[in-house]
Amino acid sequence: MSSRASRIRVALGALMLVSGLFLPWYVTLVWALALCLRYRAWEVVGIAVMLDLFWMPTSLPLAFPYMTLCALALLAVFEPLRKQLLTDVM
């Protein structure tokens, strides 16, 4: 991967992390979509786990990791699409 592509990937990941901490959930989803469409972005799952741990209420016994499950679904859904449309990207 070229240095420009890796800088873009790091920037998108940082934007996703910052938006997960300070902006509404749908902004974070947009950055996760951008990462998953362009790259094989396993960092989306890591950021989602961190955000779930950060935002999950501790008083509820049935707290559910919505962001992590959404990130795993994004990776599963967009992997074949990305391979078909962007075959030169790894």
Protein backbone atom coordinates (compact mmCIF):
# COMPACT_ATOMS: atom_id res chain seq x y z
CA MET A 1 0.00 0.00 0.00
CA SER A 2 1.35 3.41 -0.88
CA SER A 3 2.12 6.01 1.75
CA ARG A 4 -0.68 8.25 0.47
CA ALA A 5 -3.21 5.45 0.82
CA SER A 6 -2.01 4.61 4.31
CA ARG A 7 -2.21 8.27 5.34
CA ILE A 8 -5.79 8.42 4.06
CA ARG A 9 -6.62 5.22 5.95
CA VAL A 10 -5.14 6.55 9.18
CA ALA A 11 -6.98 9.86 8.72
CA LEU A 12 -10.32 8.08 8.17
CA GLY A 13 -9.70 5.92 11.24
CA ALA A 14 -8.87 8.97 13.34
CA LEU A 15 -11.97 10.76 12.08
CA MET A 16 -14.07 7.72 13.00
CA LEU A 17 -12.58 7.61 16.48
CA VAL A 18 -13.06 11.33 17.13
CA SER A 19 -16.60 11.29 15.74
CA GLY A 20 -17.43 8.30 17.93
CA LEU A 21 -16.36 10.20 21.00
CA PHE A 22 -17.79 13.63 20.26
CA LEU A 23 -20.35 13.49 17.41
CA PRO A 24 -23.64 11.63 16.84
CA TRP A 25 -23.60 7.93 15.99
CA TYR A 26 -24.53 8.41 12.34
CA VAL A 27 -21.38 10.46 11.66
CA THR A 28 -19.31 7.57 13.01
CA LEU A 29 -21.26 5.22 10.76
CA VAL A 30 -20.42 7.34 7.71
CA TRP A 31 -16.68 7.13 8.45
CA ALA A 32 -16.95 3.39 9.08
CA LEU A 33 -18.72 2.97 5.74
CA ALA A 34 -15.99 4.95 4.00
CA LEU A 35 -13.28 2.80 5.56
CA CYS A 36 -15.02 -0.50 4.80
CA LEU A 37 -15.77 0.44 1.20
CA ARG A 38 -12.20 1.42 0.42
CA TYR A 39 -10.03 -0.88 2.58
CA ARG A 40 -10.10 -4.18 4.42
CA ALA A 41 -10.53 -2.19 7.60
CA TRP A 42 -10.29 -4.35 10.68
CA GLU A 43 -9.54 -1.22 12.70
CA VAL A 44 -13.25 -0.43 12.41
CA VAL A 45 -13.97 -3.38 14.71
CA GLY A 46 -11.29 -2.27 17.19
CA ILE A 47 -12.63 1.27 17.31
CA ALA A 48 -16.19 -0.06 17.66
CA VAL A 49 -15.22 -2.27 20.61
CA MET A 50 -13.53 0.67 22.28
CA LEU A 51 -16.56 2.91 21.70
CA ASP A 52 -18.91 0.22 23.00
CA LEU A 53 -16.88 -0.05 26.18
CA PHE A 54 -16.80 3.73 26.48
CA TRP A 55 -20.51 4.38 25.90
CA MET A 56 -22.07 1.18 27.30
CA PRO A 57 -24.07 1.81 30.47
CA THR A 58 -22.65 -0.09 33.42
CA SER A 59 -25.92 -0.18 35.36
CA LEU A 60 -27.78 -2.30 32.79
CA PRO A 61 -27.23 -6.05 33.05
CA LEU A 62 -28.26 -6.59 29.41
CA ALA A 63 -26.12 -3.97 27.73
CA PHE A 64 -25.55 -4.93 24.09
CA PRO A 65 -22.49 -4.09 21.92
CA TYR A 66 -24.34 -2.48 19.02
CA MET A 67 -21.34 -0.74 17.47
CA THR A 68 -19.23 -3.89 17.42
CA LEU A 69 -21.96 -5.94 15.78
CA CYS A 70 -22.58 -3.17 13.24
CA ALA A 71 -18.84 -3.02 12.43
CA LEU A 72 -18.66 -6.79 11.92
CA ALA A 73 -21.72 -6.62 9.66
CA LEU A 74 -20.15 -3.80 7.64
CA LEU A 75 -17.00 -5.84 7.11
CA ALA A 76 -18.96 -8.94 6.11
CA VAL A 77 -21.28 -7.09 3.73
CA PHE A 78 -18.78 -4.81 2.03
CA GLU A 79 -15.93 -7.31 1.58
CA PRO A 80 -17.41 -8.98 -1.54
CA LEU A 81 -18.59 -5.63 -2.89
CA ARG A 82 -15.17 -4.07 -2.43
CA LYS A 83 -13.49 -7.07 -4.07
CA GLN A 84 -15.83 -6.88 -7.04
CA LEU A 85 -15.69 -3.11 -7.59
CA LEU A 86 -12.14 -2.33 -6.49
CA THR A 87 -10.20 -5.43 -7.46
CA ASP A 88 -6.81 -3.71 -7.33
CA VAL A 89 -7.17 -2.72 -3.65
CA MET A 90 -5.99 -5.03 -0.91
